PDB file of N, CA and C in Angstrom:
ATOM      1  N   MET A   1      20.335  14.895 -21.735  1.00  0.00           N
ATOM      2  CA  MET A   1      19.999  15.933 -20.748  1.00  0.00           C
ATOM      3  C   MET A   1      18.588  16.410 -21.124  1.00  0.00           C
ATOM      4  N   GLN A   2      17.695  16.661 -20.125  1.00  0.00           N
ATOM      5  CA  GLN A   2      16.382  17.056 -20.427  1.00  0.00           C
ATOM      6  C   GLN A   2      16.339  18.589 -20.617  1.00  0.00           C
ATOM      7  N   LYS A   3      15.454  19.013 -21.439  1.00  0.00           N
ATOM      8  CA  LYS A   3      15.264  20.434 -21.784  1.00  0.00           C
ATOM      9  C   LYS A   3      14.601  21.076 -20.677  1.00  0.00           C
ATOM     10  N   GLU A   4      14.943  22.362 -20.247  1.00  0.00           N
ATOM     11  CA  GLU A   4      14.319  22.999 -19.368  1.00  0.00           C
ATOM     12  C   GLU A   4      13.443  24.119 -19.874  1.00  0.00           C
ATOM     13  N   TYR A   5      12.211  24.364 -19.329  1.00  0.00           N
ATOM     14  CA  TYR A   5      11.323  25.367 -19.934  1.00  0.00           C
ATOM     15  C   TYR A   5      11.158  26.485 -18.910  1.00  0.00           C
ATOM     16  N   THR A   6      11.185  27.716 -19.450  1.00  0.00           N
ATOM     17  CA  THR A   6      10.948  28.862 -18.549  1.00  0.00           C
ATOM     18  C   THR A   6       9.606  29.484 -18.837  1.00  0.00           C
ATOM     19  N   VAL A   7       8.755  29.603 -17.803  1.00  0.00           N
ATOM     20  CA  VAL A   7       7.537  30.149 -17.762  1.00  0.00           C
ATOM     21  C   VAL A   7       7.404  31.293 -16.744  1.00  0.00           C
ATOM     22  N   HIS A   8       7.046  32.434 -17.023  1.00  0.00           N
ATOM     23  CA  HIS A   8       6.921  33.532 -16.079  1.00  0.00           C
ATOM     24  C   HIS A   8       8.095  33.590 -15.075  1.00  0.00           C
ATOM     25  N   SER A   9       9.322  33.567 -15.591  1.00  0.00           N
ATOM     26  CA  SER A   9      10.625  33.612 -14.992  1.00  0.00           C
ATOM     27  C   SER A   9      10.853  32.529 -13.990  1.00  0.00           C
ATOM     28  N   TYR A  10      10.103  31.381 -14.104  1.00  0.00           N
ATOM     29  CA  TYR A  10      10.347  30.128 -13.298  1.00  0.00           C
ATOM     30  C   TYR A  10      10.817  29.030 -14.181  1.00  0.00           C
ATOM     31  N   THR A  11      11.861  28.450 -13.862  1.00  0.00           N
ATOM     32  CA  THR A  11      12.371  27.368 -14.796  1.00  0.00           C
ATOM     33  C   THR A  11      11.782  26.033 -14.356  1.00  0.00           C
ATOM     34  N   PHE A  12      11.211  25.350 -15.245  1.00  0.00           N
ATOM     35  CA  PHE A  12      10.635  24.021 -14.921  1.00  0.00           C
ATOM     36  C   PHE A  12      11.640  23.044 -15.232  1.00  0.00           C
ATOM     37  N   PRO A  13      12.206  22.247 -14.322  1.00  0.00           N
ATOM     38  CA  PRO A  13      13.242  21.292 -14.629  1.00  0.00           C
ATOM     39  C   PRO A  13      12.530  19.811 -14.809  1.00  0.00           C
ATOM     40  N   PHE A  14      11.242  19.879 -14.837  1.00  0.00           N
ATOM     41  CA  PHE A  14      10.361  18.639 -15.006  1.00  0.00           C
ATOM     42  C   PHE A  14       9.939  18.414 -16.433  1.00  0.00           C
ATOM     43  N   GLY A  15      10.269  19.089 -17.401  1.00  0.00           N
ATOM     44  CA  GLY A  15       9.862  18.939 -18.732  1.00  0.00           C
ATOM     45  C   GLY A  15       8.862  19.941 -19.150  1.00  0.00           C
ATOM     46  N   GLU A  16       8.188  19.774 -20.231  1.00  0.00           N
ATOM     47  CA  GLU A  16       7.284  20.775 -20.831  1.00  0.00           C
ATOM     48  C   GLU A  16       6.064  20.876 -19.859  1.00  0.00           C
ATOM     49  N   PRO A  17       5.856  22.119 -19.338  1.00  0.00           N
ATOM     50  CA  PRO A  17       4.635  22.383 -18.499  1.00  0.00           C
ATOM     51  C   PRO A  17       3.361  21.962 -19.207  1.00  0.00           C
ATOM     52  N   GLY A  18       2.435  21.423 -18.434  1.00  0.00           N
ATOM     53  CA  GLY A  18       1.130  21.071 -18.908  1.00  0.00           C
ATOM     54  C   GLY A  18       1.142  19.641 -19.405  1.00  0.00           C
ATOM     55  N   THR A  19       2.226  18.986 -19.557  1.00  0.00           N
ATOM     56  CA  THR A  19       2.232  17.529 -19.929  1.00  0.00           C
ATOM     57  C   THR A  19       2.106  16.647 -18.822  1.00  0.00           C
ATOM     58  N   ASP A  20       1.643  15.460 -18.943  1.00  0.00           N
ATOM     59  CA  ASP A  20       1.533  14.457 -17.891  1.00  0.00           C
ATOM     60  C   ASP A  20       2.860  14.076 -17.181  1.00  0.00           C
ATOM     61  N   GLU A  21       3.887  14.115 -18.033  1.00  0.00           N
ATOM     62  CA  GLU A  21       5.248  13.817 -17.530  1.00  0.00           C
ATOM     63  C   GLU A  21       5.633  14.860 -16.519  1.00  0.00           C
ATOM     64  N   CYS A  22       5.419  16.071 -16.895  1.00  0.00           N
ATOM     65  CA  CYS A  22       5.811  17.200 -15.993  1.00  0.00           C
ATOM     66  C   CYS A  22       5.048  17.144 -14.773  1.00  0.00           C
ATOM     67  N   THR A  23       3.753  16.971 -14.834  1.00  0.00           N
ATOM     68  CA  THR A  23       2.799  16.961 -13.580  1.00  0.00           C
ATOM     69  C   THR A  23       3.224  15.869 -12.651  1.00  0.00           C
ATOM     70  N   LEU A  24       3.607  14.712 -13.225  1.00  0.00           N
ATOM     71  CA  LEU A  24       3.921  13.446 -12.403  1.00  0.00           C
ATOM     72  C   LEU A  24       5.262  13.816 -11.644  1.00  0.00           C
ATOM     73  N   LYS A  25       6.227  14.446 -12.448  1.00  0.00           N
ATOM     74  CA  LYS A  25       7.503  14.634 -11.801  1.00  0.00           C
ATOM     75  C   LYS A  25       7.393  15.790 -10.800  1.00  0.00           C
ATOM     76  N   MET A  26       6.539  16.775 -10.990  1.00  0.00           N
ATOM     77  CA  MET A  26       6.411  17.892 -10.105  1.00  0.00           C
ATOM     78  C   MET A  26       5.778  17.453  -8.800  1.00  0.00           C
ATOM     79  N   VAL A  27       4.745  16.572  -8.868  1.00  0.00           N
ATOM     80  CA  VAL A  27       4.090  16.141  -7.783  1.00  0.00           C
ATOM     81  C   VAL A  27       5.026  15.294  -6.883  1.00  0.00           C
ATOM     82  N   ALA A  28       5.678  14.380  -7.620  1.00  0.00           N
ATOM     83  CA  ALA A  28       6.710  13.462  -6.961  1.00  0.00           C
ATOM     84  C   ALA A  28       7.755  14.266  -6.206  1.00  0.00           C
ATOM     85  N   ALA A  29       8.243  15.260  -6.799  1.00  0.00           N
ATOM     86  CA  ALA A  29       9.304  16.083  -6.100  1.00  0.00           C
ATOM     87  C   ALA A  29       8.583  16.860  -4.960  1.00  0.00           C
ATOM     88  N   ARG A  30       7.478  17.322  -5.047  1.00  0.00           N
ATOM     89  CA  ARG A  30       6.776  17.958  -3.838  1.00  0.00           C
ATOM     90  C   ARG A  30       6.577  16.895  -2.796  1.00  0.00           C
ATOM     91  N   ALA A  31       6.138  15.822  -3.105  1.00  0.00           N
ATOM     92  CA  ALA A  31       5.837  14.825  -2.116  1.00  0.00           C
ATOM     93  C   ALA A  31       7.195  14.335  -1.316  1.00  0.00           C
ATOM     94  N   LYS A  32       8.214  14.277  -2.071  1.00  0.00           N
ATOM     95  CA  LYS A  32       9.514  13.869  -1.528  1.00  0.00           C
ATOM     96  C   LYS A  32      10.019  14.971  -0.694  1.00  0.00           C
ATOM     97  N   SER A  33       9.879  16.271  -0.952  1.00  0.00           N
ATOM     98  CA  SER A  33      10.368  17.297  -0.264  1.00  0.00           C
ATOM     99  C   SER A  33       9.615  17.578   1.048  1.00  0.00           C
ATOM    100  N   LYS A  34       8.304  17.231   0.971  1.00  0.00           N
ATOM    101  CA  LYS A  34       7.373  17.533   2.205  1.00  0.00           C
ATOM    102  C   LYS A  34       7.328  16.225   3.032  1.00  0.00           C
ATOM    103  N   GLY A  35       7.792  15.098   2.459  1.00  0.00           N
ATOM    104  CA  GLY A  35       7.636  13.852   3.178  1.00  0.00           C
ATOM    105  C   GLY A  35       6.234  13.299   3.375  1.00  0.00           C
ATOM    106  N   ILE A  36       5.429  13.566   2.292  1.00  0.00           N
ATOM    107  CA  ILE A  36       3.966  13.047   2.203  1.00  0.00           C
ATOM    108  C   ILE A  36       3.954  12.174   1.034  1.00  0.00           C
ATOM    109  N   SER A  37       2.747  11.584   0.842  1.00  0.00           N
ATOM    110  CA  SER A  37       2.536  10.625  -0.282  1.00  0.00           C
ATOM    111  C   SER A  37       2.235  11.506  -1.429  1.00  0.00           C
ATOM    112  N   GLU A  38       2.348  10.886  -2.698  1.00  0.00           N
ATOM    113  CA  GLU A  38       2.228  11.686  -3.919  1.00  0.00           C
ATOM    114  C   GLU A  38       0.768  12.055  -3.973  1.00  0.00           C
ATOM    115  N   GLU A  39      -0.164  11.125  -3.561  1.00  0.00           N
ATOM    116  CA  GLU A  39      -1.598  11.607  -3.584  1.00  0.00           C
ATOM    117  C   GLU A  39      -2.016  12.767  -2.856  1.00  0.00           C
ATOM    118  N   GLN A  40      -1.371  12.767  -1.659  1.00  0.00           N
ATOM    119  CA  GLN A  40      -1.623  13.959  -0.805  1.00  0.00           C
ATOM    120  C   GLN A  40      -1.036  15.289  -1.350  1.00  0.00           C
ATOM    121  N   ALA A  41       0.190  15.043  -1.989  1.00  0.00           N
ATOM    122  CA  ALA A  41       0.792  16.278  -2.724  1.00  0.00           C
ATOM    123  C   ALA A  41      -0.058  16.714  -3.795  1.00  0.00           C
ATOM    124  N   ALA A  42      -0.564  15.677  -4.671  1.00  0.00           N
ATOM    125  CA  ALA A  42      -1.400  16.081  -5.791  1.00  0.00           C
ATOM    126  C   ALA A  42      -2.593  16.811  -5.380  1.00  0.00           C
ATOM    127  N   LYS A  43      -3.225  16.327  -4.248  1.00  0.00           N
ATOM    128  CA  LYS A  43      -4.486  16.960  -3.820  1.00  0.00           C
ATOM    129  C   LYS A  43      -4.251  18.508  -3.361  1.00  0.00           C
ATOM    130  N   THR A  44      -3.070  18.609  -2.756  1.00  0.00           N
ATOM    131  CA  THR A  44      -2.854  20.080  -2.316  1.00  0.00           C
ATOM    132  C   THR A  44      -2.474  20.905  -3.445  1.00  0.00           C
ATOM    133  N   MET A  45      -1.664  20.408  -4.486  1.00  0.00           N
ATOM    134  CA  MET A  45      -1.142  21.143  -5.605  1.00  0.00           C
ATOM    135  C   MET A  45      -2.239  21.417  -6.717  1.00  0.00           C
ATOM    136  N   LEU A  46      -3.023  20.312  -6.953  1.00  0.00           N
ATOM    137  CA  LEU A  46      -3.914  20.389  -8.132  1.00  0.00           C
ATOM    138  C   LEU A  46      -5.366  20.505  -7.749  1.00  0.00           C
ATOM    139  N   GLY A  47      -6.117  21.212  -8.513  1.00  0.00           N
ATOM    140  CA  GLY A  47      -7.531  21.194  -8.241  1.00  0.00           C
ATOM    141  C   GLY A  47      -8.379  20.281  -9.036  1.00  0.00           C
ATOM    142  N   GLY A  48      -9.570  20.031  -8.798  1.00  0.00           N
ATOM    143  CA  GLY A  48     -10.474  19.040  -9.422  1.00  0.00           C
ATOM    144  C   GLY A  48     -10.060  18.296 -10.710  1.00  0.00           C
ATOM    145  N   GLU A  49     -10.137  18.894 -11.797  1.00  0.00           N
ATOM    146  CA  GLU A  49      -9.907  18.269 -13.097  1.00  0.00           C
ATOM    147  C   GLU A  49      -8.338  17.926 -13.173  1.00  0.00           C
ATOM    148  N   LEU A  50      -7.482  18.724 -12.743  1.00  0.00           N
ATOM    149  CA  LEU A  50      -6.086  18.542 -12.810  1.00  0.00           C
ATOM    150  C   LEU A  50      -5.646  17.287 -11.931  1.00  0.00           C
ATOM    151  N   PHE A  51      -6.362  17.196 -10.804  1.00  0.00           N
ATOM    152  CA  PHE A  51      -6.147  16.141  -9.908  1.00  0.00           C
ATOM    153  C   PHE A  51      -6.526  14.765 -10.628  1.00  0.00           C
ATOM    154  N   LYS A  52      -7.700  14.755 -11.322  1.00  0.00           N
ATOM    155  CA  LYS A  52      -8.276  13.643 -12.041  1.00  0.00           C
ATOM    156  C   LYS A  52      -7.271  13.188 -13.157  1.00  0.00           C
ATOM    157  N   GLN A  53      -6.757  14.196 -13.880  1.00  0.00           N
ATOM    158  CA  GLN A  53      -5.737  14.029 -14.920  1.00  0.00           C
ATOM    159  C   GLN A  53      -4.450  13.401 -14.361  1.00  0.00           C
ATOM    160  N   TRP A  54      -4.010  13.914 -13.185  1.00  0.00           N
ATOM    161  CA  TRP A  54      -2.801  13.244 -12.628  1.00  0.00           C
ATOM    162  C   TRP A  54      -3.111  11.815 -12.230  1.00  0.00           C
ATOM    163  N   LYS A  55      -4.155  11.629 -11.669  1.00  0.00           N
ATOM    164  CA  LYS A  55      -4.540  10.265 -11.092  1.00  0.00           C
ATOM    165  C   LYS A  55      -4.520   9.302 -12.335  1.00  0.00           C
ATOM    166  N   LYS A  56      -5.177   9.783 -13.469  1.00  0.00           N
ATOM    167  CA  LYS A  56      -5.208   8.847 -14.630  1.00  0.00           C
ATOM    168  C   LYS A  56      -3.853   8.607 -15.243  1.00  0.00           C
ATOM    169  N   ALA A  57      -3.028   9.694 -15.243  1.00  0.00           N
ATOM    170  CA  ALA A  57      -1.639   9.544 -15.749  1.00  0.00           C
ATOM    171  C   ALA A  57      -0.859   8.674 -14.835  1.00  0.00           C
ATOM    172  N   LYS A  58      -1.059   8.744 -13.536  1.00  0.00           N
ATOM    173  CA  LYS A  58      -0.344   7.908 -12.663  1.00  0.00           C
ATOM    174  C   LYS A  58      -0.634   6.404 -12.800  1.00  0.00           C
ATOM    175  N   GLU A  59      -1.932   6.226 -12.938  1.00  0.00           N
ATOM    176  CA  GLU A  59      -2.467   4.811 -13.262  1.00  0.00           C
ATOM    177  C   GLU A  59      -1.844   4.185 -14.496  1.00  0.00           C
ATOM    178  N   SER A  60      -1.742   5.055 -15.525  1.00  0.00           N
ATOM    179  CA  SER A  60      -1.288   4.490 -16.807  1.00  0.00           C
ATOM    180  C   SER A  60       0.171   4.219 -16.770  1.00  0.00           C
ATOM    181  N   VAL A  61       0.932   4.918 -15.933  1.00  0.00           N
ATOM    182  CA  VAL A  61       2.352   4.709 -15.760  1.00  0.00           C
ATOM    183  C   VAL A  61       2.584   3.382 -14.964  1.00  0.00           C
ATOM    184  N   THR A  62       1.768   3.281 -13.888  1.00  0.00           N
ATOM    185  CA  THR A  62       2.059   2.023 -13.114  1.00  0.00           C
ATOM    186  C   THR A  62       1.367   0.797 -13.641  1.00  0.00           C
ATOM    187  N   ALA A  63       0.582   0.938 -14.669  1.00  0.00           N
ATOM    188  CA  ALA A  63      -0.163  -0.229 -15.228  1.00  0.00           C
ATOM    189  C   ALA A  63       0.735  -1.143 -16.155  1.00  0.00           C
TER     190      ALA A  63
END
């Protein structure tokens, strides 16, 4: 079972906040719930540097 983290009274079921794993899971969940691509979800959720970090993490997972 994955550990949940609580930050500012919000429980993150995606792993430790700030990690690539958490970001990838969070973006994937948003994309699925909105019916959009993960890249579209990442663009709307993440700003400049975070989007670049997400894209790099996504490429390393799929490589």
